[in-house]
N, C-alpha and C. Protein backbone atom coordinates (compact mmCIF):
# COMPACT_ATOMS: atom_id res chain seq x y z
N MET A 1 -11.83 -11.73 -14.04
CA MET A 1 -10.84 -10.56 -14.12
C MET A 1 -10.16 -10.40 -15.49
N PRO A 2 -10.10 -9.22 -16.07
CA PRO A 2 -9.56 -9.16 -17.38
C PRO A 2 -8.06 -9.37 -17.41
N LYS A 3 -7.53 -9.56 -18.73
CA LYS A 3 -6.10 -9.80 -18.91
C LYS A 3 -5.22 -8.60 -18.57
N GLU A 4 -5.77 -7.43 -18.74
CA GLU A 4 -4.91 -6.23 -18.62
C GLU A 4 -5.51 -5.56 -17.41
N TYR A 5 -4.64 -5.46 -16.41
CA TYR A 5 -4.94 -4.58 -15.09
C TYR A 5 -3.80 -3.81 -14.68
N PHE A 6 -4.00 -2.93 -13.81
CA PHE A 6 -2.97 -2.06 -13.26
C PHE A 6 -2.90 -2.32 -11.80
N SER A 7 -1.72 -2.75 -11.29
CA SER A 7 -1.57 -3.11 -9.87
C SER A 7 -0.66 -2.22 -9.19
N ALA A 8 -0.93 -2.00 -7.86
CA ALA A 8 -0.08 -1.23 -7.03
C ALA A 8 -0.25 -1.58 -5.54
N VAL A 9 0.69 -1.16 -4.67
CA VAL A 9 0.50 -1.42 -3.31
C VAL A 9 0.45 -0.14 -2.62
N GLY A 10 -0.55 -0.01 -1.67
CA GLY A 10 -0.74 1.15 -0.85
C GLY A 10 -0.46 0.84 0.55
N ARG A 11 0.16 1.79 1.36
CA ARG A 11 0.43 1.43 2.75
C ARG A 11 -0.01 2.80 3.54
N ARG A 12 -0.39 2.40 4.86
CA ARG A 12 -0.61 3.25 5.86
C ARG A 12 -0.61 2.72 7.20
N LYS A 13 0.16 3.23 8.14
CA LYS A 13 0.35 2.69 9.41
C LYS A 13 0.88 1.20 9.27
N THR A 14 0.13 0.21 9.83
CA THR A 14 0.49 -1.13 9.51
C THR A 14 -0.38 -1.83 8.52
N ALA A 15 -1.21 -1.05 7.73
CA ALA A 15 -2.21 -1.61 6.72
C ALA A 15 -1.44 -1.69 5.42
N ILE A 16 -1.62 -2.80 4.68
CA ILE A 16 -1.11 -2.97 3.40
C ILE A 16 -2.23 -3.29 2.46
N ALA A 17 -2.34 -2.63 1.31
CA ALA A 17 -3.44 -2.85 0.47
C ALA A 17 -2.83 -3.09 -0.90
N ARG A 18 -3.17 -4.23 -1.50
CA ARG A 18 -2.67 -4.78 -2.90
C ARG A 18 -3.90 -4.42 -3.76
N VAL A 19 -3.70 -3.46 -4.64
CA VAL A 19 -4.76 -2.93 -5.44
C VAL A 19 -4.66 -3.40 -6.92
N ARG A 20 -5.70 -3.83 -7.61
CA ARG A 20 -5.70 -4.09 -8.97
C ARG A 20 -6.95 -3.46 -9.59
N ILE A 21 -6.63 -2.58 -10.58
CA ILE A 21 -7.91 -1.96 -11.22
C ILE A 21 -7.83 -2.13 -12.67
N TRP A 22 -9.04 -2.03 -13.38
CA TRP A 22 -9.08 -2.20 -14.69
C TRP A 22 -10.40 -1.43 -15.21
N PRO A 23 -10.47 -1.03 -16.49
CA PRO A 23 -11.67 -0.37 -16.83
C PRO A 23 -12.98 -1.22 -16.80
N GLY A 24 -13.91 -0.73 -16.11
CA GLY A 24 -15.25 -1.39 -15.87
C GLY A 24 -16.14 -0.64 -15.06
N LYS A 25 -17.38 -1.03 -14.98
CA LYS A 25 -18.38 -0.32 -14.29
C LYS A 25 -18.82 -0.99 -12.91
N GLN A 26 -18.28 -2.16 -12.55
CA GLN A 26 -18.73 -2.93 -11.38
C GLN A 26 -18.28 -2.19 -10.04
N GLU A 27 -18.72 -2.61 -9.01
CA GLU A 27 -18.30 -2.12 -7.59
C GLU A 27 -17.03 -2.66 -7.27
N LEU A 28 -16.13 -1.95 -6.57
CA LEU A 28 -14.89 -2.39 -5.97
C LEU A 28 -15.12 -3.63 -5.07
N VAL A 29 -14.26 -4.65 -5.15
CA VAL A 29 -14.26 -5.83 -4.21
C VAL A 29 -13.14 -5.76 -3.41
N ILE A 30 -13.33 -5.74 -1.99
CA ILE A 30 -12.35 -5.63 -1.06
C ILE A 30 -12.35 -6.93 -0.22
N ASN A 31 -11.29 -7.77 -0.29
CA ASN A 31 -11.14 -8.96 0.47
C ASN A 31 -12.35 -9.93 0.16
N GLY A 32 -12.82 -9.97 -1.03
CA GLY A 32 -13.96 -10.80 -1.52
C GLY A 32 -15.29 -10.28 -1.17
N LYS A 33 -15.32 -9.08 -0.57
CA LYS A 33 -16.66 -8.47 -0.32
C LYS A 33 -16.82 -7.19 -1.11
N PRO A 34 -18.08 -6.77 -1.51
CA PRO A 34 -18.30 -5.48 -2.14
C PRO A 34 -17.97 -4.34 -1.20
N LEU A 35 -17.48 -3.26 -1.75
CA LEU A 35 -17.05 -2.09 -1.04
C LEU A 35 -18.24 -1.58 0.07
N SER A 36 -19.46 -1.75 -0.38
CA SER A 36 -20.61 -1.24 0.44
C SER A 36 -20.74 -2.16 1.67
N VAL A 37 -20.37 -3.42 1.56
CA VAL A 37 -20.32 -4.38 2.65
C VAL A 37 -19.14 -4.23 3.60
N TYR A 38 -18.03 -4.12 3.08
CA TYR A 38 -16.74 -4.08 3.78
C TYR A 38 -16.56 -2.77 4.64
N PHE A 39 -16.93 -1.61 3.94
CA PHE A 39 -16.93 -0.33 4.58
C PHE A 39 -18.30 0.18 4.70
N LYS A 40 -18.98 0.48 5.85
CA LYS A 40 -20.19 0.96 6.05
C LYS A 40 -20.26 2.49 5.80
N GLY A 41 -19.36 3.20 6.43
CA GLY A 41 -19.61 4.69 6.36
C GLY A 41 -19.42 5.39 5.06
N GLU A 42 -20.16 6.44 4.89
CA GLU A 42 -20.11 7.16 3.75
C GLU A 42 -18.88 7.99 3.46
N THR A 43 -18.33 8.49 4.65
CA THR A 43 -17.07 9.36 4.55
C THR A 43 -15.92 8.54 4.18
N ILE A 44 -15.94 7.22 4.66
CA ILE A 44 -14.80 6.39 4.22
C ILE A 44 -14.83 5.97 2.71
N LYS A 45 -16.07 5.79 2.25
CA LYS A 45 -16.38 5.48 0.85
C LYS A 45 -15.88 6.69 -0.09
N LYS A 46 -16.26 7.93 0.32
CA LYS A 46 -15.78 9.12 -0.37
C LYS A 46 -14.33 9.17 -0.44
N MET A 47 -13.68 8.92 0.80
CA MET A 47 -12.21 8.97 0.81
C MET A 47 -11.59 7.89 -0.13
N ILE A 48 -12.21 6.79 -0.21
CA ILE A 48 -11.56 5.68 -1.06
C ILE A 48 -11.73 6.11 -2.55
N PHE A 49 -12.86 6.75 -2.89
CA PHE A 49 -13.03 7.14 -4.23
C PHE A 49 -12.43 8.47 -4.64
N SER A 50 -11.87 9.17 -3.72
CA SER A 50 -11.29 10.44 -4.09
C SER A 50 -10.22 10.52 -5.18
N PRO A 51 -9.38 9.45 -5.27
CA PRO A 51 -8.46 9.47 -6.49
C PRO A 51 -9.22 9.53 -7.80
N PHE A 52 -10.29 8.68 -7.78
CA PHE A 52 -11.07 8.56 -9.09
C PHE A 52 -11.74 9.95 -9.36
N VAL A 53 -12.18 10.55 -8.31
CA VAL A 53 -12.86 11.88 -8.40
C VAL A 53 -11.78 12.95 -8.95
N VAL A 54 -10.74 13.02 -8.32
CA VAL A 54 -9.60 14.03 -8.68
C VAL A 54 -9.18 13.76 -10.11
N ALA A 55 -9.17 12.62 -10.63
CA ALA A 55 -8.70 12.16 -11.98
C ALA A 55 -9.83 12.24 -12.97
N ASP A 56 -11.03 12.54 -12.42
CA ASP A 56 -12.37 12.62 -13.30
C ASP A 56 -12.58 11.29 -14.08
N VAL A 57 -12.40 10.25 -13.36
CA VAL A 57 -12.78 8.90 -14.00
C VAL A 57 -13.65 8.17 -13.12
N SER A 58 -14.58 8.80 -12.37
CA SER A 58 -15.51 8.13 -11.41
C SER A 58 -16.35 7.26 -12.28
N GLY A 59 -16.59 5.90 -11.84
CA GLY A 59 -17.38 4.98 -12.58
C GLY A 59 -16.66 4.26 -13.77
N GLN A 60 -15.47 4.71 -14.08
CA GLN A 60 -14.89 4.05 -15.36
C GLN A 60 -14.00 2.97 -15.01
N TYR A 61 -13.47 2.86 -13.75
CA TYR A 61 -12.54 1.74 -13.37
C TYR A 61 -13.31 0.84 -12.26
N THR A 62 -12.95 -0.40 -12.17
CA THR A 62 -13.37 -1.27 -11.10
C THR A 62 -12.13 -2.04 -10.79
N GLY A 63 -12.28 -2.88 -9.61
CA GLY A 63 -10.96 -3.46 -9.29
C GLY A 63 -11.08 -4.41 -8.12
N SER A 64 -10.09 -5.14 -7.75
CA SER A 64 -10.19 -6.00 -6.64
C SER A 64 -9.07 -5.54 -5.69
N ILE A 65 -9.21 -5.58 -4.36
CA ILE A 65 -8.31 -5.06 -3.50
C ILE A 65 -8.18 -6.11 -2.24
N LYS A 66 -6.88 -6.44 -1.89
CA LYS A 66 -6.71 -7.26 -0.72
C LYS A 66 -5.99 -6.43 0.29
N VAL A 67 -6.54 -6.20 1.45
CA VAL A 67 -6.03 -5.38 2.48
C VAL A 67 -5.92 -6.16 3.76
N SER A 68 -4.84 -5.85 4.58
CA SER A 68 -4.74 -6.49 5.83
C SER A 68 -3.93 -5.44 6.75
N GLY A 69 -4.07 -5.75 8.05
CA GLY A 69 -3.44 -4.92 9.03
C GLY A 69 -4.14 -3.71 9.41
N SER A 70 -3.81 -3.07 10.50
CA SER A 70 -4.29 -1.78 10.93
C SER A 70 -5.84 -1.86 11.27
N GLY A 71 -6.44 -0.67 11.32
CA GLY A 71 -7.84 -0.66 11.60
C GLY A 71 -8.55 -0.14 10.39
N ILE A 72 -9.81 0.29 10.59
CA ILE A 72 -10.70 0.66 9.48
C ILE A 72 -10.10 1.86 8.68
N MET A 73 -9.76 2.99 9.39
CA MET A 73 -9.22 4.08 8.74
C MET A 73 -7.83 3.86 8.10
N GLY A 74 -6.94 3.16 8.76
CA GLY A 74 -5.66 2.82 8.22
C GLY A 74 -5.85 1.98 6.88
N GLN A 75 -6.75 1.01 6.86
CA GLN A 75 -6.97 0.28 5.71
C GLN A 75 -7.57 1.13 4.57
N ALA A 76 -8.49 1.99 4.98
CA ALA A 76 -9.09 2.88 3.96
C ALA A 76 -8.03 3.89 3.30
N GLU A 77 -7.14 4.33 4.12
CA GLU A 77 -6.17 5.33 3.59
C GLU A 77 -5.15 4.49 2.78
N ALA A 78 -4.84 3.24 3.13
CA ALA A 78 -3.88 2.35 2.33
C ALA A 78 -4.56 2.06 1.01
N ILE A 79 -5.92 1.84 0.92
CA ILE A 79 -6.55 1.56 -0.41
C ILE A 79 -6.47 2.83 -1.19
N MET A 80 -6.74 4.01 -0.56
CA MET A 80 -6.65 5.26 -1.34
C MET A 80 -5.29 5.45 -1.89
N HIS A 81 -4.24 5.28 -1.11
CA HIS A 81 -2.86 5.33 -1.55
C HIS A 81 -2.61 4.42 -2.81
N GLY A 82 -3.13 3.09 -2.76
CA GLY A 82 -2.87 2.13 -3.67
C GLY A 82 -3.59 2.44 -4.98
N ILE A 83 -4.90 2.94 -4.89
CA ILE A 83 -5.57 3.35 -5.99
C ILE A 83 -5.00 4.49 -6.76
N GLY A 84 -4.41 5.46 -6.05
CA GLY A 84 -3.76 6.70 -6.70
C GLY A 84 -2.55 6.18 -7.47
N ARG A 85 -1.81 5.11 -6.88
CA ARG A 85 -0.51 4.63 -7.57
C ARG A 85 -0.96 3.82 -8.74
N ALA A 86 -2.12 3.06 -8.67
CA ALA A 86 -2.47 2.18 -9.79
C ALA A 86 -2.97 3.08 -10.91
N LEU A 87 -3.74 4.10 -10.64
CA LEU A 87 -4.17 5.14 -11.60
C LEU A 87 -2.97 5.88 -12.40
N MET A 88 -1.96 6.09 -11.59
CA MET A 88 -0.75 6.70 -12.17
C MET A 88 -0.16 5.69 -13.18
N LYS A 89 -0.13 4.49 -12.82
CA LYS A 89 0.44 3.48 -13.74
C LYS A 89 -0.44 3.28 -15.06
N ALA A 90 -1.73 3.43 -14.83
CA ALA A 90 -2.66 3.37 -16.00
C ALA A 90 -2.39 4.43 -17.17
N ASP A 91 -2.18 5.70 -16.72
CA ASP A 91 -1.80 6.69 -17.70
C ASP A 91 -0.95 7.66 -17.08
N PRO A 92 0.45 7.47 -17.13
CA PRO A 92 1.27 8.40 -16.38
C PRO A 92 1.20 9.77 -16.74
N GLU A 93 1.09 10.12 -18.05
CA GLU A 93 1.12 11.52 -18.45
C GLU A 93 -0.09 12.24 -18.04
N LYS A 94 -1.24 11.55 -17.95
CA LYS A 94 -2.48 12.17 -17.70
C LYS A 94 -2.70 12.27 -16.18
N PHE A 95 -2.33 11.27 -15.33
CA PHE A 95 -2.65 11.15 -14.01
C PHE A 95 -1.51 11.61 -12.93
N LYS A 96 -0.34 11.57 -13.48
CA LYS A 96 0.90 11.69 -12.43
C LYS A 96 0.71 12.95 -11.61
N LYS A 97 0.51 14.04 -12.39
CA LYS A 97 0.49 15.46 -11.69
C LYS A 97 -0.74 15.51 -10.84
N LEU A 98 -1.82 14.99 -11.35
CA LEU A 98 -3.09 15.12 -10.49
C LEU A 98 -2.98 14.26 -9.19
N MET A 99 -2.37 13.11 -9.21
CA MET A 99 -2.27 12.28 -8.15
C MET A 99 -1.16 12.85 -7.17
N ARG A 100 -0.07 13.52 -7.72
CA ARG A 100 0.90 14.02 -6.88
C ARG A 100 0.29 15.28 -6.16
N ASP A 101 -0.39 16.02 -6.92
CA ASP A 101 -0.98 17.38 -6.25
C ASP A 101 -2.19 16.89 -5.16
N GLY A 102 -2.85 15.88 -5.45
CA GLY A 102 -3.88 15.42 -4.55
C GLY A 102 -3.28 14.67 -3.29
N GLY A 103 -2.03 14.36 -3.32
CA GLY A 103 -1.29 13.64 -2.26
C GLY A 103 -1.55 12.25 -2.15
N PHE A 104 -2.02 11.55 -3.31
CA PHE A 104 -2.31 10.19 -3.25
C PHE A 104 -1.02 9.23 -3.57
N LEU A 105 0.14 9.82 -3.97
CA LEU A 105 1.28 9.09 -4.28
C LEU A 105 2.14 9.15 -3.07
N THR A 106 2.12 9.95 -2.11
CA THR A 106 2.95 10.08 -0.98
C THR A 106 2.47 9.24 0.19
N ARG A 107 3.32 8.46 0.70
CA ARG A 107 3.01 7.45 1.91
C ARG A 107 3.07 8.34 3.17
N ASP A 108 2.01 8.20 3.95
CA ASP A 108 2.19 9.05 5.20
C ASP A 108 3.01 8.30 6.19
N PRO A 109 4.13 8.98 6.58
CA PRO A 109 5.13 8.16 7.34
C PRO A 109 4.86 8.06 8.82
N ARG A 110 3.68 8.61 9.29
CA ARG A 110 3.38 8.56 10.73
C ARG A 110 3.07 7.14 11.24
N MET A 111 3.75 6.75 12.25
CA MET A 111 3.41 5.36 12.82
C MET A 111 3.19 5.53 14.32
N LYS A 112 2.68 4.42 14.85
CA LYS A 112 2.50 4.45 16.28
C LYS A 112 3.77 4.49 17.04
N GLU A 113 3.90 5.26 18.07
CA GLU A 113 5.11 5.41 18.79
C GLU A 113 5.37 4.14 19.59
N THR A 114 6.57 3.58 19.45
CA THR A 114 6.90 2.34 20.10
C THR A 114 7.05 2.43 21.62
N ARG A 115 6.77 1.38 22.29
CA ARG A 115 6.70 1.39 23.82
C ARG A 115 8.15 1.32 24.24
N LYS A 116 8.46 2.09 25.43
CA LYS A 116 9.61 1.99 25.91
C LYS A 116 9.74 1.13 27.15
N SER A 117 10.80 0.27 27.32
CA SER A 117 10.86 -0.57 28.43
C SER A 117 11.02 0.16 29.68
N GLY A 118 10.57 -0.45 30.81
CA GLY A 118 10.84 0.13 32.15
C GLY A 118 10.04 1.37 32.39
N GLN A 119 8.99 1.63 31.71
CA GLN A 119 8.33 3.01 31.78
C GLN A 119 6.82 2.85 32.14
N GLY A 120 6.28 1.73 32.38
CA GLY A 120 4.93 1.60 32.79
C GLY A 120 3.95 1.66 31.79
N GLY A 121 4.17 0.77 30.70
CA GLY A 121 3.00 0.53 29.78
C GLY A 121 3.16 1.11 28.49
N ARG A 122 2.49 2.21 28.17
CA ARG A 122 2.37 2.91 26.88
C ARG A 122 3.70 3.71 26.43
N ALA A 123 3.61 4.28 25.38
CA ALA A 123 4.80 4.91 24.75
C ALA A 123 5.41 6.00 25.58
N ARG A 124 4.49 6.98 26.09
CA ARG A 124 5.05 8.03 26.84
C ARG A 124 4.61 8.05 28.38
N ALA A 125 3.98 7.06 28.77
CA ALA A 125 3.57 6.94 30.24
C ALA A 125 4.78 6.60 31.04
N LYS A 126 4.87 7.31 32.15
CA LYS A 126 5.81 7.12 33.19
C LYS A 126 5.21 6.32 34.42
N LYS A 127 6.08 5.65 34.97
CA LYS A 127 5.66 4.88 36.25
C LYS A 127 5.42 6.01 37.36
N GLN A 128 4.33 5.64 38.15
CA GLN A 128 4.05 6.65 39.31
C GLN A 128 5.13 6.63 40.25
N SER A 129 5.68 7.78 40.68
CA SER A 129 6.74 7.72 41.70
C SER A 129 6.07 7.59 43.14
N PRO A 130 6.90 6.79 44.04
CA PRO A 130 6.23 6.75 45.42
C PRO A 130 6.30 8.14 46.05
N LYS A 131 5.16 8.37 46.83
CA LYS A 131 5.10 9.81 47.41
C LYS A 131 5.97 9.90 48.74
N ARG A 132 6.08 8.81 49.47
CA ARG A 132 6.88 8.82 50.72
C ARG A 132 7.86 7.67 50.76
């Protein structure tokens, strides 16, 4: 890992991604595995690389990412959020407006609705009332 890197934290639902990026040509490493091994689907890979595409720096940055919590989509969106923030730190004058317009700096506030006690299981489920 080089001496100079740009780090940021991205979040989505319960996923937290700690992102470090630096100039380079290698593949992104997520939790010690290459991106192509950690995420199989092409749509998820496109989503993760979308901050680089919007900033027009595809293939110019590489990095390591540690992500935990949530599911596959939540982790992918947390990584996308973290990459957007890290790119903004790399060159604020050049990337801040692009990242803001692309929505990569805004954390999505939607979370799972919490379970209510005494109501039969899930968040909005009600107990069945007796018929007679």
